[in-house]
C-alpha atoms as a PDB file:
ATOM      1  CA  MET A   1     -37.316  -9.065  35.992  1.00  0.00           C
ATOM      2  CA  ILE A   2     -40.350  -6.815  35.567  1.00  0.00           C
ATOM      3  CA  LYS A   3     -38.139  -3.766  36.169  1.00  0.00           C
ATOM      4  CA  LEU A   4     -35.764  -4.885  33.382  1.00  0.00           C
ATOM      5  CA  ASN A   5     -38.635  -5.380  30.955  1.00  0.00           C
ATOM      6  CA  ASP A   6     -39.955  -1.930  31.835  1.00  0.00           C
ATOM      7  CA  CYS A   7     -36.504  -0.422  31.217  1.00  0.00           C
ATOM      8  CA  LYS A   8     -36.261  -2.218  27.880  1.00  0.00           C
ATOM      9  CA  GLN A   9     -39.667  -0.837  26.860  1.00  0.00           C
ATOM     10  CA  GLN A  10     -38.672   2.674  27.935  1.00  0.00           C
ATOM     11  CA  LEU A  11     -35.452   2.429  25.906  1.00  0.00           C
ATOM     12  CA  THR A  12     -37.506   1.387  22.872  1.00  0.00           C
ATOM     13  CA  PHE A  13     -39.706   4.466  23.314  1.00  0.00           C
ATOM     14  CA  ILE A  14     -36.642   6.683  23.699  1.00  0.00           C
ATOM     15  CA  LEU A  15     -35.143   5.276  20.494  1.00  0.00           C
ATOM     16  CA  GLU A  16     -38.356   6.088  18.635  1.00  0.00           C
ATOM     17  CA  ASP A  17     -38.318   9.616  20.084  1.00  0.00           C
ATOM     18  CA  ILE A  18     -34.745  10.122  18.893  1.00  0.00           C
ATOM     19  CA  ARG A  19     -35.641   8.843  15.420  1.00  0.00           C
ATOM     20  CA  SER A  20     -38.535  11.310  15.314  1.00  0.00           C
ATOM     21  CA  ILE A  21     -36.321  14.208  16.386  1.00  0.00           C
ATOM     22  CA  ARG A  22     -33.804  13.293  13.697  1.00  0.00           C
ATOM     23  CA  SER A  23     -36.496  13.124  11.015  1.00  0.00           C
ATOM     24  CA  VAL A  24     -37.953  16.490  11.981  1.00  0.00           C
ATOM     25  CA  ALA A  25     -34.502  18.072  12.115  1.00  0.00           C
ATOM     26  CA  LEU A  26     -33.660  16.758   8.661  1.00  0.00           C
ATOM     27  CA  MET A  27     -36.951  18.065   7.252  1.00  0.00           C
ATOM     28  CA  ALA A  28     -36.480  21.427   8.961  1.00  0.00           C
ATOM     29  CA  ASP A  29     -32.965  21.691   7.559  1.00  0.00           C
ATOM     30  CA  GLU A  30     -34.384  21.331   4.046  1.00  0.00           C
ATOM     31  CA  GLU A  31     -37.197  23.862   4.642  1.00  0.00           C
ATOM     32  CA  PRO A  32     -36.360  27.355   3.330  1.00  0.00           C
ATOM     33  CA  ASP A  33     -38.247  29.024   6.191  1.00  0.00           C
ATOM     34  CA  TRP A  34     -35.867  27.365   8.651  1.00  0.00           C
ATOM     35  CA  ASN A  35     -32.736  28.816   7.134  1.00  0.00           C
ATOM     36  CA  ALA A  36     -32.188  31.282   9.960  1.00  0.00           C
ATOM     37  CA  GLU A  37     -28.967  30.425  11.722  1.00  0.00           C
ATOM     38  CA  GLY A  38     -29.548  28.235  14.738  1.00  0.00           C
ATOM     39  CA  ASP A  39     -33.233  27.396  14.147  1.00  0.00           C
ATOM     40  CA  VAL A  40     -32.579  23.706  13.621  1.00  0.00           C
ATOM     41  CA  VAL A  41     -30.163  23.606  16.548  1.00  0.00           C
ATOM     42  CA  ARG A  42     -32.774  25.180  18.848  1.00  0.00           C
ATOM     43  CA  LEU A  43     -35.391  22.735  17.560  1.00  0.00           C
ATOM     44  CA  ILE A  44     -33.155  19.769  18.365  1.00  0.00           C
ATOM     45  CA  ALA A  45     -32.240  21.155  21.789  1.00  0.00           C
ATOM     46  CA  LEU A  46     -35.886  21.673  22.747  1.00  0.00           C
ATOM     47  CA  ALA A  47     -36.952  18.255  21.477  1.00  0.00           C
ATOM     48  CA  ALA A  48     -34.017  16.427  23.055  1.00  0.00           C
ATOM     49  CA  LYS A  49     -34.541  17.726  26.608  1.00  0.00           C
ATOM     50  CA  PRO A  50     -37.500  15.475  27.570  1.00  0.00           C
ATOM     51  CA  VAL A  51     -35.866  12.489  25.867  1.00  0.00           C
ATOM     52  CA  MET A  52     -32.674  13.047  27.845  1.00  0.00           C
ATOM     53  CA  ASP A  53     -34.688  13.308  31.070  1.00  0.00           C
ATOM     54  CA  ARG A  54     -36.402   9.981  30.351  1.00  0.00           C
ATOM     55  CA  LEU A  55     -33.068   8.393  29.479  1.00  0.00           C
ATOM     56  CA  GLU A  56     -31.605   9.536  32.805  1.00  0.00           C
ATOM     57  CA  GLU A  57     -34.545   7.907  34.612  1.00  0.00           C
ATOM     58  CA  VAL A  58     -34.050   4.625  32.763  1.00  0.00           C
ATOM     59  CA  ILE A  59     -30.320   4.649  33.506  1.00  0.00           C
ATOM     60  CA  SER A  60     -31.074   5.250  37.181  1.00  0.00           C
ATOM     61  CA  ASP A  61     -33.561   2.350  37.194  1.00  0.00           C
ATOM     62  CA  LEU A  62     -31.045   0.079  35.478  1.00  0.00           C
ATOM     63  CA  ASN A  63     -28.381   1.035  38.007  1.00  0.00           C
ATOM     64  CA  ALA A  64     -30.779   0.138  40.807  1.00  0.00           C
ATOM     65  CA  VAL A  65     -31.570  -3.250  39.248  1.00  0.00           C
ATOM     66  CA  ILE A  66     -27.880  -3.979  38.709  1.00  0.00           C
ATOM     67  CA  SER A  67     -27.091  -3.024  42.305  1.00  0.00           C
ATOM     68  CA  GLU A  68     -29.903  -5.224  43.625  1.00  0.00           C
ATOM     69  CA  ASN A  69     -28.728  -8.188  41.564  1.00  0.00           C
ATOM     70  CA  THR A  70     -25.101  -7.651  42.536  1.00  0.00           C
ATOM     71  CA  MET A  71     -26.025  -7.518  46.218  1.00  0.00           C
ATOM     72  CA  ARG A  72     -28.206 -10.618  45.872  1.00  0.00           C
ATOM     73  CA  ASP A  73     -25.398 -12.515  44.085  1.00  0.00           C
ATOM     74  CA  THR A  74     -22.916 -11.422  46.762  1.00  0.00           C
ATOM     75  CA  ASP A  75     -25.274 -12.581  49.528  1.00  0.00           C
ATOM     76  CA  VAL A  76     -25.701 -15.995  47.880  1.00  0.00           C
ATOM     77  CA  THR A  77     -21.978 -16.565  47.383  1.00  0.00           C
ATOM     78  CA  ALA A  78     -21.113 -15.300  50.879  1.00  0.00           C
ATOM     79  CA  GLY A  79     -23.623 -17.565  52.608  1.00  0.00           C
END
């Protein structure tokens, strides 16, 4: 259960990171100095990389928890 709570907390952090990236991208899009083609896209790509890495870790942890619970449920019903 602790692992699930940790995953939930990590997902909350990731959501906040994505909201921040979106806000910065929207502000950058409105900034005249950021009018060069691709600047906002590069900004989003750079900011999204660590968030995506964290999300992959959380998904892996969730998969492990699901597998553990599935195996435990299978063991209980088999015995």
